[in-house]
Amino acid sequence: MATTLLKLLSLPFRIVWAVVYFILQIPFAIANVFFFVTSRFFGLIFTLALKWPLKTFWYLRVVTIPVLLITIAYGWIVENKPELAKRIGLKSLRLESSAASEESTKKDE
């Protein structure tokens, strides 16, 4: 056993292992460079693409406000007009969870 450890720790083995380890690291090094370059490239593209819209609030007017209004309308319909919500096909997680909690409280009683 001791002679095997000495052979493993010998200089030729360490040299071979260093070369193999270096060769195994090459694909990872290439991948790291690729991901670094592409992330910088896409970061530049996104920065340039969003610079003008964010400056002029175009993005807020065209995207955020309609999404916010749709979300508010959805919540209002589901909470205040349940029969309309059922007819349209809208579902509320709150209604389902409250119904489940009501059933569990009835079982406890």
C-alpha atoms as a PDB file:
ATOM      1  CA  MET A   1       0.000   0.000   0.000  1.00  0.00           C
ATOM      2  CA  ALA A   2       2.770   2.416   0.903  1.00  0.00           C
ATOM      3  CA  THR A   3       4.603   1.687  -2.352  1.00  0.00           C
ATOM      4  CA  THR A   4       1.424   2.458  -4.330  1.00  0.00           C
ATOM      5  CA  LEU A   5       1.130   5.827  -2.608  1.00  0.00           C
ATOM      6  CA  LEU A   6       4.760   6.562  -3.348  1.00  0.00           C
ATOM      7  CA  LYS A   7       4.212   5.707  -7.012  1.00  0.00           C
ATOM      8  CA  LEU A   8       1.160   7.972  -7.127  1.00  0.00           C
ATOM      9  CA  LEU A   9       3.116  10.806  -5.585  1.00  0.00           C
ATOM     10  CA  SER A  10       6.103  10.343  -7.862  1.00  0.00           C
ATOM     11  CA  LEU A  11       7.204  13.161 -10.128  1.00  0.00           C
ATOM     12  CA  PRO A  12       6.230  11.539 -13.473  1.00  0.00           C
ATOM     13  CA  PHE A  13       2.727  10.854 -12.176  1.00  0.00           C
ATOM     14  CA  ARG A  14       2.371  14.437 -10.973  1.00  0.00           C
ATOM     15  CA  ILE A  15       3.517  15.758 -14.353  1.00  0.00           C
ATOM     16  CA  VAL A  16       1.081  13.513 -16.237  1.00  0.00           C
ATOM     17  CA  TRP A  17      -1.736  14.490 -13.869  1.00  0.00           C
ATOM     18  CA  ALA A  18      -0.959  18.207 -14.335  1.00  0.00           C
ATOM     19  CA  VAL A  19      -1.111  17.853 -18.125  1.00  0.00           C
ATOM     20  CA  VAL A  20      -4.363  15.866 -17.994  1.00  0.00           C
ATOM     21  CA  TYR A  21      -5.884  18.342 -15.559  1.00  0.00           C
ATOM     22  CA  PHE A  22      -4.866  21.266 -17.779  1.00  0.00           C
ATOM     23  CA  ILE A  23      -6.380  19.595 -20.851  1.00  0.00           C
ATOM     24  CA  LEU A  24      -9.605  18.929 -18.940  1.00  0.00           C
ATOM     25  CA  GLN A  25      -9.828  22.606 -17.974  1.00  0.00           C
ATOM     26  CA  ILE A  26      -9.660  23.910 -21.571  1.00  0.00           C
ATOM     27  CA  PRO A  27     -13.384  23.438 -22.406  1.00  0.00           C
ATOM     28  CA  PHE A  28     -14.375  25.155 -19.164  1.00  0.00           C
ATOM     29  CA  ALA A  29     -12.051  28.065 -19.880  1.00  0.00           C
ATOM     30  CA  ILE A  30     -13.533  28.448 -23.375  1.00  0.00           C
ATOM     31  CA  ALA A  31     -17.056  28.325 -21.942  1.00  0.00           C
ATOM     32  CA  ASN A  32     -16.193  30.961 -19.332  1.00  0.00           C
ATOM     33  CA  VAL A  33     -14.811  33.308 -21.984  1.00  0.00           C
ATOM     34  CA  PHE A  34     -17.851  32.685 -24.212  1.00  0.00           C
ATOM     35  CA  PHE A  35     -20.334  33.421 -21.411  1.00  0.00           C
ATOM     36  CA  PHE A  36     -18.395  36.508 -20.328  1.00  0.00           C
ATOM     37  CA  VAL A  37     -18.328  37.926 -23.861  1.00  0.00           C
ATOM     38  CA  THR A  38     -21.994  37.137 -24.597  1.00  0.00           C
ATOM     39  CA  SER A  39     -23.170  38.569 -21.272  1.00  0.00           C
ATOM     40  CA  ARG A  40     -21.265  41.790 -21.974  1.00  0.00           C
ATOM     41  CA  PHE A  41     -22.692  41.910 -25.514  1.00  0.00           C
ATOM     42  CA  PHE A  42     -26.302  41.364 -24.407  1.00  0.00           C
ATOM     43  CA  GLY A  43     -25.860  43.792 -21.526  1.00  0.00           C
ATOM     44  CA  LEU A  44     -24.745  46.434 -24.021  1.00  0.00           C
ATOM     45  CA  ILE A  45     -27.676  45.677 -26.328  1.00  0.00           C
ATOM     46  CA  PHE A  46     -30.205  45.891 -23.472  1.00  0.00           C
ATOM     47  CA  THR A  47     -28.649  49.105 -22.182  1.00  0.00           C
ATOM     48  CA  LEU A  48     -28.837  50.733 -25.606  1.00  0.00           C
ATOM     49  CA  ALA A  49     -32.337  49.411 -26.275  1.00  0.00           C
ATOM     50  CA  LEU A  50     -33.763  50.661 -22.973  1.00  0.00           C
ATOM     51  CA  LYS A  51     -31.928  53.974 -22.747  1.00  0.00           C
ATOM     52  CA  TRP A  52     -34.372  55.986 -24.860  1.00  0.00           C
ATOM     53  CA  PRO A  53     -37.618  54.349 -23.628  1.00  0.00           C
ATOM     54  CA  LEU A  54     -36.668  54.737 -19.984  1.00  0.00           C
ATOM     55  CA  LYS A  55     -35.624  58.344 -20.555  1.00  0.00           C
ATOM     56  CA  THR A  56     -38.927  59.314 -22.141  1.00  0.00           C
ATOM     57  CA  PHE A  57     -41.156  57.035 -19.982  1.00  0.00           C
ATOM     58  CA  TRP A  58     -42.427  55.372 -23.165  1.00  0.00           C
ATOM     59  CA  TYR A  59     -42.058  51.954 -21.565  1.00  0.00           C
ATOM     60  CA  LEU A  60     -44.105  53.003 -18.542  1.00  0.00           C
ATOM     61  CA  ARG A  61     -46.930  54.404 -20.657  1.00  0.00           C
ATOM     62  CA  VAL A  62     -47.171  51.610 -23.205  1.00  0.00           C
ATOM     63  CA  VAL A  63     -46.460  48.494 -21.167  1.00  0.00           C
ATOM     64  CA  THR A  64     -46.747  49.002 -17.425  1.00  0.00           C
ATOM     65  CA  ILE A  65     -49.962  51.012 -17.208  1.00  0.00           C
ATOM     66  CA  PRO A  66     -52.105  48.650 -19.370  1.00  0.00           C
ATOM     67  CA  VAL A  67     -50.788  45.602 -17.504  1.00  0.00           C
ATOM     68  CA  LEU A  68     -51.571  47.297 -14.204  1.00  0.00           C
ATOM     69  CA  LEU A  69     -55.097  48.211 -15.363  1.00  0.00           C
ATOM     70  CA  ILE A  70     -55.766  44.681 -16.618  1.00  0.00           C
ATOM     71  CA  THR A  71     -54.560  43.237 -13.307  1.00  0.00           C
ATOM     72  CA  ILE A  72     -56.777  45.593 -11.306  1.00  0.00           C
ATOM     73  CA  ALA A  73     -59.788  44.836 -13.518  1.00  0.00           C
ATOM     74  CA  TYR A  74     -59.173  41.094 -13.214  1.00  0.00           C
ATOM     75  CA  GLY A  75     -59.013  41.285  -9.426  1.00  0.00           C
ATOM     76  CA  TRP A  76     -62.079  43.522  -9.205  1.00  0.00           C
ATOM     77  CA  ILE A  77     -64.177  41.225 -11.412  1.00  0.00           C
ATOM     78  CA  VAL A  78     -63.111  38.101  -9.524  1.00  0.00           C
ATOM     79  CA  GLU A  79     -63.758  39.626  -6.088  1.00  0.00           C
ATOM     80  CA  ASN A  80     -66.902  41.705  -6.755  1.00  0.00           C
ATOM     81  CA  LYS A  81     -68.653  39.886  -9.605  1.00  0.00           C
ATOM     82  CA  PRO A  82     -68.149  36.145  -9.034  1.00  0.00           C
ATOM     83  CA  GLU A  83     -70.955  35.118 -11.413  1.00  0.00           C
ATOM     84  CA  LEU A  84     -69.422  37.189 -14.217  1.00  0.00           C
ATOM     85  CA  ALA A  85     -66.006  35.722 -13.417  1.00  0.00           C
ATOM     86  CA  LYS A  86     -67.412  32.190 -13.674  1.00  0.00           C
ATOM     87  CA  ARG A  87     -69.124  33.015 -16.973  1.00  0.00           C
ATOM     88  CA  ILE A  88     -65.902  34.464 -18.429  1.00  0.00           C
ATOM     89  CA  GLY A  89     -63.773  31.690 -16.952  1.00  0.00           C
ATOM     90  CA  LEU A  90     -61.700  33.709 -14.500  1.00  0.00           C
ATOM     91  CA  LYS A  91     -60.499  31.886 -11.395  1.00  0.00           C
ATOM     92  CA  SER A  92     -59.480  33.235  -8.027  1.00  0.00           C
ATOM     93  CA  LEU A  93     -56.948  31.437  -5.893  1.00  0.00           C
ATOM     94  CA  ARG A  94     -58.302  33.243  -2.857  1.00  0.00           C
ATOM     95  CA  LEU A  95     -61.791  31.820  -3.392  1.00  0.00           C
ATOM     96  CA  GLU A  96     -60.426  28.295  -3.767  1.00  0.00           C
ATOM     97  CA  SER A  97     -58.211  28.564  -0.692  1.00  0.00           C
ATOM     98  CA  SER A  98     -60.961  30.147   1.407  1.00  0.00           C
ATOM     99  CA  ALA A  99     -63.386  27.414   0.356  1.00  0.00           C
ATOM    100  CA  ALA A 100     -60.844  24.799   1.357  1.00  0.00           C
ATOM    101  CA  SER A 101     -60.284  26.496   4.717  1.00  0.00           C
ATOM    102  CA  GLU A 102     -64.049  26.694   5.310  1.00  0.00           C
ATOM    103  CA  GLU A 103     -64.354  22.966   4.624  1.00  0.00           C
ATOM    104  CA  SER A 104     -61.520  22.205   7.039  1.00  0.00           C
ATOM    105  CA  THR A 105     -63.136  24.356   9.770  1.00  0.00           C
ATOM    106  CA  LYS A 106     -66.459  22.571   9.236  1.00  0.00           C
ATOM    107  CA  LYS A 107     -64.709  19.215   9.626  1.00  0.00           C
ATOM    108  CA  ASP A 108     -63.040  20.404  12.835  1.00  0.00           C
ATOM    109  CA  GLU A 109     -66.388  21.407  14.334  1.00  0.00           C
END
